[in-house]
Every structure is written in C-alpha cells, then in structure tokens.
Amino acid sequence: MSEAVKIYTIPTCSDCHFAKRYLKERNVPYTEYNCEENPAYAEEVRELTGKSIVPTIVINDQVFVGFADNLDEIRKLIP
C-alpha cells in the first residue's frame, strides 16, 4: 500500500476500535484523526462524505463510511 490509511474517529465509537484493531492486526500503517479533539477533522469528514459519521476510512482515495458495513470492500484492499 503506497500511502497510509486515514481513519476519522471518536473515542467512544466501538466500530472505530474494531477498524483500528483490524488495521493493526494486519500491520497496516494508518493515521488517526480524532474528530472529538479537533473539530476541523469532523469538518473534513463532512466534506468527504456529506455526513457526520465515524469511522470514516480513506484507503487509496476510496472513502468508506463505517467499518462493519464496508468490511467486505475493505478486505479487498486490505486482506
């Protein structure tokens, strides 16, 4: 994977924790953007998706809103 994965999160989001664990277990580098700590990150999520939902995951310019609902597609990019 040429660039690190971006993941927009909040600390209380269980889907965010599952997504980060999935990436860690596969040794995939990622950058976490905590939307609760920095409102600018929440604005980035709205610009990317038109929604305010976390986790929002960006992999090679593909944007995924949520983790569990997109796991099949994410597995194609990160087996």
PDB file of N, CA and C in Angstrom:
ATOM      1  N   MET A   1       0.859  -1.172   0.000  1.00  0.00           N
ATOM      2  CA  MET A   1       0.000   0.000   0.000  1.00  0.00           C
ATOM      3  C   MET A   1       0.900   1.228   0.000  1.00  0.00           C
ATOM      4  N   SER A   2       0.691   2.106  -0.941  1.00  0.00           N
ATOM      5  CA  SER A   2       1.610   3.213  -1.140  1.00  0.00           C
ATOM      6  C   SER A   2       1.470   4.328  -0.113  1.00  0.00           C
ATOM      7  N   GLU A   3       0.285   4.530   0.429  1.00  0.00           N
ATOM      8  CA  GLU A   3       0.110   5.587   1.416  1.00  0.00           C
ATOM      9  C   GLU A   3      -0.638   5.034   2.614  1.00  0.00           C
ATOM     10  N   ALA A   4      -0.427   5.681   3.742  1.00  0.00           N
ATOM     11  CA  ALA A   4      -1.087   5.231   4.955  1.00  0.00           C
ATOM     12  C   ALA A   4      -2.592   5.463   4.840  1.00  0.00           C
ATOM     13  N   VAL A   5      -3.308   4.634   5.513  1.00  0.00           N
ATOM     14  CA  VAL A   5      -4.754   4.744   5.595  1.00  0.00           C
ATOM     15  C   VAL A   5      -5.083   5.879   6.562  1.00  0.00           C
ATOM     16  N   LYS A   6      -6.152   6.602   6.266  1.00  0.00           N
ATOM     17  CA  LYS A   6      -6.651   7.633   7.172  1.00  0.00           C
ATOM     18  C   LYS A   6      -7.917   7.104   7.816  1.00  0.00           C
ATOM     19  N   ILE A   7      -8.051   7.316   9.117  1.00  0.00           N
ATOM     20  CA  ILE A   7      -9.264   6.899   9.805  1.00  0.00           C
ATOM     21  C   ILE A   7      -9.707   8.014  10.747  1.00  0.00           C
ATOM     22  N   TYR A   8     -10.917   8.477  10.540  1.00  0.00           N
ATOM     23  CA  TYR A   8     -11.510   9.529  11.361  1.00  0.00           C
ATOM     24  C   TYR A   8     -12.351   8.849  12.431  1.00  0.00           C
ATOM     25  N   THR A   9     -12.120   9.219  13.697  1.00  0.00           N
ATOM     26  CA  THR A   9     -12.718   8.502  14.816  1.00  0.00           C
ATOM     27  C   THR A   9     -13.211   9.457  15.905  1.00  0.00           C
ATOM     28  N   ILE A  10     -13.909   8.861  16.878  1.00  0.00           N
ATOM     29  CA  ILE A  10     -14.123   9.473  18.185  1.00  0.00           C
ATOM     30  C   ILE A  10     -13.843   8.377  19.215  1.00  0.00           C
ATOM     31  N   PRO A  11     -13.436   8.734  20.421  1.00  0.00           N
ATOM     32  CA  PRO A  11     -13.015   7.727  21.407  1.00  0.00           C
ATOM     33  C   PRO A  11     -14.102   6.733  21.827  1.00  0.00           C
ATOM     34  N   THR A  12     -15.357   7.111  21.785  1.00  0.00           N
ATOM     35  CA  THR A  12     -16.425   6.233  22.277  1.00  0.00           C
ATOM     36  C   THR A  12     -17.032   5.339  21.199  1.00  0.00           C
ATOM     37  N   CYS A  13     -16.481   5.340  20.021  1.00  0.00           N
ATOM     38  CA  CYS A  13     -17.046   4.604  18.883  1.00  0.00           C
ATOM     39  C   CYS A  13     -16.475   3.183  18.833  1.00  0.00           C
ATOM     40  N   SER A  14     -17.343   2.184  19.058  1.00  0.00           N
ATOM     41  CA  SER A  14     -16.862   0.795  19.039  1.00  0.00           C
ATOM     42  C   SER A  14     -16.440   0.363  17.632  1.00  0.00           C
ATOM     43  N   ASP A  15     -17.143   0.825  16.609  1.00  0.00           N
ATOM     44  CA  ASP A  15     -16.767   0.493  15.228  1.00  0.00           C
ATOM     45  C   ASP A  15     -15.379   1.053  14.900  1.00  0.00           C
ATOM     46  N   CYS A  16     -15.065   2.218  15.464  1.00  0.00           N
ATOM     47  CA  CYS A  16     -13.728   2.812  15.283  1.00  0.00           C
ATOM     48  C   CYS A  16     -12.664   1.908  15.893  1.00  0.00           C
ATOM     49  N   HIS A  17     -12.937   1.385  17.089  1.00  0.00           N
ATOM     50  CA  HIS A  17     -11.984   0.490  17.761  1.00  0.00           C
ATOM     51  C   HIS A  17     -11.785  -0.793  16.956  1.00  0.00           C
ATOM     52  N   PHE A  18     -12.868  -1.342  16.411  1.00  0.00           N
ATOM     53  CA  PHE A  18     -12.751  -2.547  15.593  1.00  0.00           C
ATOM     54  C   PHE A  18     -11.916  -2.270  14.343  1.00  0.00           C
ATOM     55  N   ALA A  19     -12.135  -1.123  13.715  1.00  0.00           N
ATOM     56  CA  ALA A  19     -11.398  -0.773  12.498  1.00  0.00           C
ATOM     57  C   ALA A  19      -9.907  -0.635  12.792  1.00  0.00           C
ATOM     58  N   LYS A  20      -9.575   0.053  13.861  1.00  0.00           N
ATOM     59  CA  LYS A  20      -8.158   0.230  14.217  1.00  0.00           C
ATOM     60  C   LYS A  20      -7.514  -1.110  14.544  1.00  0.00           C
ATOM     61  N   ARG A  21      -8.238  -1.975  15.248  1.00  0.00           N
ATOM     62  CA  ARG A  21      -7.685  -3.300  15.564  1.00  0.00           C
ATOM     63  C   ARG A  21      -7.454  -4.105  14.284  1.00  0.00           C
ATOM     64  N   TYR A  22      -8.395  -4.051  13.356  1.00  0.00           N
ATOM     65  CA  TYR A  22      -8.252  -4.746  12.072  1.00  0.00           C
ATOM     66  C   TYR A  22      -6.968  -4.295  11.370  1.00  0.00           C
ATOM     67  N   LEU A  23      -6.740  -2.991  11.325  1.00  0.00           N
ATOM     68  CA  LEU A  23      -5.550  -2.458  10.657  1.00  0.00           C
ATOM     69  C   LEU A  23      -4.276  -2.862  11.388  1.00  0.00           C
ATOM     70  N   LYS A  24      -4.285  -2.771  12.713  1.00  0.00           N
ATOM     71  CA  LYS A  24      -3.101  -3.140  13.499  1.00  0.00           C
ATOM     72  C   LYS A  24      -2.750  -4.610  13.318  1.00  0.00           C
ATOM     73  N   GLU A  25      -3.767  -5.478  13.323  1.00  0.00           N
ATOM     74  CA  GLU A  25      -3.518  -6.915  13.173  1.00  0.00           C
ATOM     75  C   GLU A  25      -2.896  -7.247  11.825  1.00  0.00           C
ATOM     76  N   ARG A  26      -3.099  -6.377  10.839  1.00  0.00           N
ATOM     77  CA  ARG A  26      -2.557  -6.602   9.502  1.00  0.00           C
ATOM     78  C   ARG A  26      -1.322  -5.747   9.235  1.00  0.00           C
ATOM     79  N   ASN A  27      -0.821  -5.096  10.292  1.00  0.00           N
ATOM     80  CA  ASN A  27       0.368  -4.249  10.192  1.00  0.00           C
ATOM     81  C   ASN A  27       0.233  -3.182   9.118  1.00  0.00           C
ATOM     82  N   VAL A  28      -0.968  -2.623   9.001  1.00  0.00           N
ATOM     83  CA  VAL A  28      -1.232  -1.568   8.032  1.00  0.00           C
ATOM     84  C   VAL A  28      -1.043  -0.224   8.727  1.00  0.00           C
ATOM     85  N   PRO A  29      -0.125   0.602   8.237  1.00  0.00           N
ATOM     86  CA  PRO A  29       0.043   1.920   8.851  1.00  0.00           C
ATOM     87  C   PRO A  29      -1.182   2.787   8.587  1.00  0.00           C
ATOM     88  N   TYR A  30      -1.574   3.540   9.591  1.00  0.00           N
ATOM     89  CA  TYR A  30      -2.708   4.445   9.420  1.00  0.00           C
ATOM     90  C   TYR A  30      -2.494   5.685  10.266  1.00  0.00           C
ATOM     91  N   THR A  31      -3.177   6.731   9.869  1.00  0.00           N
ATOM     92  CA  THR A  31      -3.178   7.955  10.647  1.00  0.00           C
ATOM     93  C   THR A  31      -4.580   8.145  11.175  1.00  0.00           C
ATOM     94  N   GLU A  32      -4.672   8.340  12.497  1.00  0.00           N
ATOM     95  CA  GLU A  32      -5.965   8.529  13.135  1.00  0.00           C
ATOM     96  C   GLU A  32      -6.236  10.012  13.326  1.00  0.00           C
ATOM     97  N   TYR A  33      -7.452  10.404  12.999  1.00  0.00           N
ATOM     98  CA  TYR A  33      -7.898  11.790  13.171  1.00  0.00           C
ATOM     99  C   TYR A  33      -9.073  11.772  14.137  1.00  0.00           C
ATOM    100  N   ASN A  34      -8.835  12.249  15.353  1.00  0.00           N
ATOM    101  CA  ASN A  34      -9.858  12.247  16.401  1.00  0.00           C
ATOM    102  C   ASN A  34     -10.752  13.468  16.237  1.00  0.00           C
ATOM    103  N   CYS A  35     -11.965  13.234  15.770  1.00  0.00           N
ATOM    104  CA  CYS A  35     -12.909  14.315  15.483  1.00  0.00           C
ATOM    105  C   CYS A  35     -13.413  15.005  16.746  1.00  0.00           C
ATOM    106  N   GLU A  36     -13.319  14.321  17.860  1.00  0.00           N
ATOM    107  CA  GLU A  36     -13.757  14.916  19.122  1.00  0.00           C
ATOM    108  C   GLU A  36     -12.726  15.929  19.619  1.00  0.00           C
ATOM    109  N   GLU A  37     -11.458  15.620  19.429  1.00  0.00           N
ATOM    110  CA  GLU A  37     -10.390  16.519  19.875  1.00  0.00           C
ATOM    111  C   GLU A  37     -10.199  17.702  18.943  1.00  0.00           C
ATOM    112  N   ASN A  38     -10.461  17.502  17.658  1.00  0.00           N
ATOM    113  CA  ASN A  38     -10.229  18.564  16.688  1.00  0.00           C
ATOM    114  C   ASN A  38     -11.428  18.679  15.748  1.00  0.00           C
ATOM    115  N   PRO A  39     -12.251  19.717  15.938  1.00  0.00           N
ATOM    116  CA  PRO A  39     -13.444  19.890  15.097  1.00  0.00           C
ATOM    117  C   PRO A  39     -13.129  20.024  13.601  1.00  0.00           C
ATOM    118  N   ALA A  40     -11.918  20.412  13.260  1.00  0.00           N
ATOM    119  CA  ALA A  40     -11.544  20.513  11.848  1.00  0.00           C
ATOM    120  C   ALA A  40     -11.600  19.137  11.184  1.00  0.00           C
ATOM    121  N   TYR A  41     -11.292  18.088  11.938  1.00  0.00           N
ATOM    122  CA  TYR A  41     -11.369  16.736  11.381  1.00  0.00           C
ATOM    123  C   TYR A  41     -12.821  16.345  11.110  1.00  0.00           C
ATOM    124  N   ALA A  42     -13.722  16.741  11.995  1.00  0.00           N
ATOM    125  CA  ALA A  42     -15.139  16.472  11.772  1.00  0.00           C
ATOM    126  C   ALA A  42     -15.618  17.184  10.506  1.00  0.00           C
ATOM    127  N   GLU A  43     -15.104  18.370  10.275  1.00  0.00           N
ATOM    128  CA  GLU A  43     -15.454  19.105   9.059  1.00  0.00           C
ATOM    129  C   GLU A  43     -14.908  18.383   7.818  1.00  0.00           C
ATOM    130  N   GLU A  44     -13.710  17.825   7.923  1.00  0.00           N
ATOM    131  CA  GLU A  44     -13.152  17.051   6.811  1.00  0.00           C
ATOM    132  C   GLU A  44     -14.054  15.866   6.476  1.00  0.00           C
ATOM    133  N   VAL A  45     -14.582  15.199   7.513  1.00  0.00           N
ATOM    134  CA  VAL A  45     -15.494  14.072   7.291  1.00  0.00           C
ATOM    135  C   VAL A  45     -16.724  14.553   6.536  1.00  0.00           C
ATOM    136  N   ARG A  46     -17.296  15.681   6.943  1.00  0.00           N
ATOM    137  CA  ARG A  46     -18.473  16.215   6.253  1.00  0.00           C
ATOM    138  C   ARG A  46     -18.158  16.560   4.798  1.00  0.00           C
ATOM    139  N   GLU A  47     -16.961  17.102   4.554  1.00  0.00           N
ATOM    140  CA  GLU A  47     -16.566  17.431   3.179  1.00  0.00           C
ATOM    141  C   GLU A  47     -16.376  16.174   2.335  1.00  0.00           C
ATOM    142  N   LEU A  48     -15.821  15.127   2.942  1.00  0.00           N
ATOM    143  CA  LEU A  48     -15.576  13.871   2.220  1.00  0.00           C
ATOM    144  C   LEU A  48     -16.858  13.110   1.925  1.00  0.00           C
ATOM    145  N   THR A  49     -17.797  13.141   2.882  1.00  0.00           N
ATOM    146  CA  THR A  49     -18.939  12.234   2.806  1.00  0.00           C
ATOM    147  C   THR A  49     -20.303  12.912   2.764  1.00  0.00           C
ATOM    148  N   GLY A  50     -20.348  14.165   3.179  1.00  0.00           N
ATOM    149  CA  GLY A  50     -21.643  14.823   3.306  1.00  0.00           C
ATOM    150  C   GLY A  50     -22.377  14.397   4.567  1.00  0.00           C
ATOM    151  N   LYS A  51     -21.698  13.652   5.417  1.00  0.00           N
ATOM    152  CA  LYS A  51     -22.283  13.128   6.655  1.00  0.00           C
ATOM    153  C   LYS A  51     -21.338  13.370   7.812  1.00  0.00           C
ATOM    154  N   SER A  52     -21.828  13.119   9.011  1.00  0.00           N
ATOM    155  CA  SER A  52     -21.005  13.229  10.228  1.00  0.00           C
ATOM    156  C   SER A  52     -20.964  11.872  10.911  1.00  0.00           C
ATOM    157  N   ILE A  53     -20.386  10.901  10.225  1.00  0.00           N
ATOM    158  CA  ILE A  53     -20.368   9.528  10.727  1.00  0.00           C
ATOM    159  C   ILE A  53     -18.923   9.048  10.834  1.00  0.00           C
ATOM    160  N   VAL A  54     -18.613   8.404  11.968  1.00  0.00           N
ATOM    161  CA  VAL A  54     -17.315   7.769  12.157  1.00  0.00           C
ATOM    162  C   VAL A  54     -17.547   6.290  12.438  1.00  0.00           C
ATOM    163  N   PRO A  55     -16.597   5.440  12.126  1.00  0.00           N
ATOM    164  CA  PRO A  55     -15.373   5.828  11.458  1.00  0.00           C
ATOM    165  C   PRO A  55     -15.614   6.143   9.988  1.00  0.00           C
ATOM    166  N   THR A  56     -14.872   7.103   9.515  1.00  0.00           N
ATOM    167  CA  THR A  56     -14.747   7.330   8.084  1.00  0.00           C
ATOM    168  C   THR A  56     -13.325   6.923   7.753  1.00  0.00           C
ATOM    169  N   ILE A  57     -13.179   6.043   6.798  1.00  0.00           N
ATOM    170  CA  ILE A  57     -11.881   5.460   6.465  1.00  0.00           C
ATOM    171  C   ILE A  57     -11.555   5.795   5.019  1.00  0.00           C
ATOM    172  N   VAL A  58     -10.338   6.282   4.794  1.00  0.00           N
ATOM    173  CA  VAL A  58      -9.887   6.603   3.444  1.00  0.00           C
ATOM    174  C   VAL A  58      -8.722   5.681   3.110  1.00  0.00           C
ATOM    175  N   ILE A  59      -8.906   4.903   2.042  1.00  0.00           N
ATOM    176  CA  ILE A  59      -7.871   3.977   1.576  1.00  0.00           C
ATOM    177  C   ILE A  59      -7.667   4.234   0.091  1.00  0.00           C
ATOM    178  N   ASN A  60      -6.488   4.714  -0.263  1.00  0.00           N
ATOM    179  CA  ASN A  60      -6.183   4.974  -1.674  1.00  0.00           C
ATOM    180  C   ASN A  60      -7.297   5.756  -2.376  1.00  0.00           C
ATOM    181  N   ASP A  61      -7.716   6.827  -1.791  1.00  0.00           N
ATOM    182  CA  ASP A  61      -8.755   7.712  -2.339  1.00  0.00           C
ATOM    183  C   ASP A  61     -10.160   7.112  -2.332  1.00  0.00           C
ATOM    184  N   GLN A  62     -10.331   5.929  -1.790  1.00  0.00           N
ATOM    185  CA  GLN A  62     -11.670   5.372  -1.609  1.00  0.00           C
ATOM    186  C   GLN A  62     -12.129   5.704  -0.194  1.00  0.00           C
ATOM    187  N   VAL A  63     -13.343   6.214  -0.083  1.00  0.00           N
ATOM    188  CA  VAL A  63     -13.873   6.647   1.205  1.00  0.00           C
ATOM    189  C   VAL A  63     -14.949   5.668   1.656  1.00  0.00           C
ATOM    190  N   PHE A  64     -14.812   5.196   2.886  1.00  0.00           N
ATOM    191  CA  PHE A  64     -15.767   4.273   3.480  1.00  0.00           C
ATOM    192  C   PHE A  64     -16.361   4.918   4.717  1.00  0.00           C
ATOM    193  N   VAL A  65     -17.685   4.950   4.784  1.00  0.00           N
ATOM    194  CA  VAL A  65     -18.389   5.487   5.945  1.00  0.00           C
ATOM    195  C   VAL A  65     -18.838   4.296   6.774  1.00  0.00           C
ATOM    196  N   GLY A  66     -18.206   4.128   7.918  1.00  0.00           N
ATOM    197  CA  GLY A  66     -18.464   2.963   8.756  1.00  0.00           C
ATOM    198  C   GLY A  66     -17.472   1.859   8.442  1.00  0.00           C
ATOM    199  N   PHE A  67     -17.343   0.937   9.379  1.00  0.00           N
ATOM    200  CA  PHE A  67     -16.403  -0.169   9.194  1.00  0.00           C
ATOM    201  C   PHE A  67     -17.129  -1.476   8.918  1.00  0.00           C
ATOM    202  N   ALA A  68     -17.979  -1.907   9.820  1.00  0.00           N
ATOM    203  CA  ALA A  68     -18.632  -3.215   9.689  1.00  0.00           C
ATOM    204  C   ALA A  68     -19.412  -3.323   8.385  1.00  0.00           C
ATOM    205  N   ASP A  69     -20.116  -2.272   8.015  1.00  0.00           N
ATOM    206  CA  ASP A  69     -20.917  -2.307   6.794  1.00  0.00           C
ATOM    207  C   ASP A  69     -20.068  -2.352   5.523  1.00  0.00           C
ATOM    208  N   ASN A  70     -18.811  -1.973   5.637  1.00  0.00           N
ATOM    209  CA  ASN A  70     -17.917  -1.922   4.479  1.00  0.00           C
ATOM    210  C   ASN A  70     -16.794  -2.946   4.541  1.00  0.00           C
ATOM    211  N   LEU A  71     -16.871  -3.861   5.483  1.00  0.00           N
ATOM    212  CA  LEU A  71     -15.765  -4.790   5.700  1.00  0.00           C
ATOM    213  C   LEU A  71     -15.425  -5.606   4.461  1.00  0.00           C
ATOM    214  N   ASP A  72     -16.421  -6.054   3.716  1.00  0.00           N
ATOM    215  CA  ASP A  72     -16.130  -6.840   2.505  1.00  0.00           C
ATOM    216  C   ASP A  72     -15.297  -6.041   1.507  1.00  0.00           C
ATOM    217  N   GLU A  73     -15.643  -4.791   1.304  1.00  0.00           N
ATOM    218  CA  GLU A  73     -14.888  -3.938   0.383  1.00  0.00           C
ATOM    219  C   GLU A  73     -13.500  -3.625   0.933  1.00  0.00           C
ATOM    220  N   ILE A  74     -13.418  -3.367   2.233  1.00  0.00           N
ATOM    221  CA  ILE A  74     -12.117  -3.075   2.857  1.00  0.00           C
ATOM    222  C   ILE A  74     -11.205  -4.296   2.766  1.00  0.00           C
ATOM    223  N   ARG A  75     -11.758  -5.487   2.937  1.00  0.00           N
ATOM    224  CA  ARG A  75     -10.953  -6.714   2.836  1.00  0.00           C
ATOM    225  C   ARG A  75     -10.356  -6.897   1.451  1.00  0.00           C
ATOM    226  N   LYS A  76     -11.016  -6.392   0.426  1.00  0.00           N
ATOM    227  CA  LYS A  76     -10.445  -6.466  -0.926  1.00  0.00           C
ATOM    228  C   LYS A  76      -9.192  -5.605  -1.050  1.00  0.00           C
ATOM    229  N   LEU A  77      -9.141  -4.524  -0.294  1.00  0.00           N
ATOM    230  CA  LEU A  77      -7.984  -3.634  -0.344  1.00  0.00           C
ATOM    231  C   LEU A  77      -6.936  -3.999   0.704  1.00  0.00           C
ATOM    232  N   ILE A  78      -7.411  -4.516   1.839  1.00  0.00           N
ATOM    233  CA  ILE A  78      -6.524  -4.911   2.946  1.00  0.00           C
ATOM    234  C   ILE A  78      -6.934  -6.295   3.391  1.00  0.00           C
ATOM    235  N   PRO A  79      -6.375  -7.314   2.753  1.00  0.00           N
ATOM    236  CA  PRO A  79      -6.781  -8.693   3.098  1.00  0.00           C
ATOM    237  C   PRO A  79      -6.314  -9.127   4.489  1.00  0.00           C
TER     238      PRO A  79
END
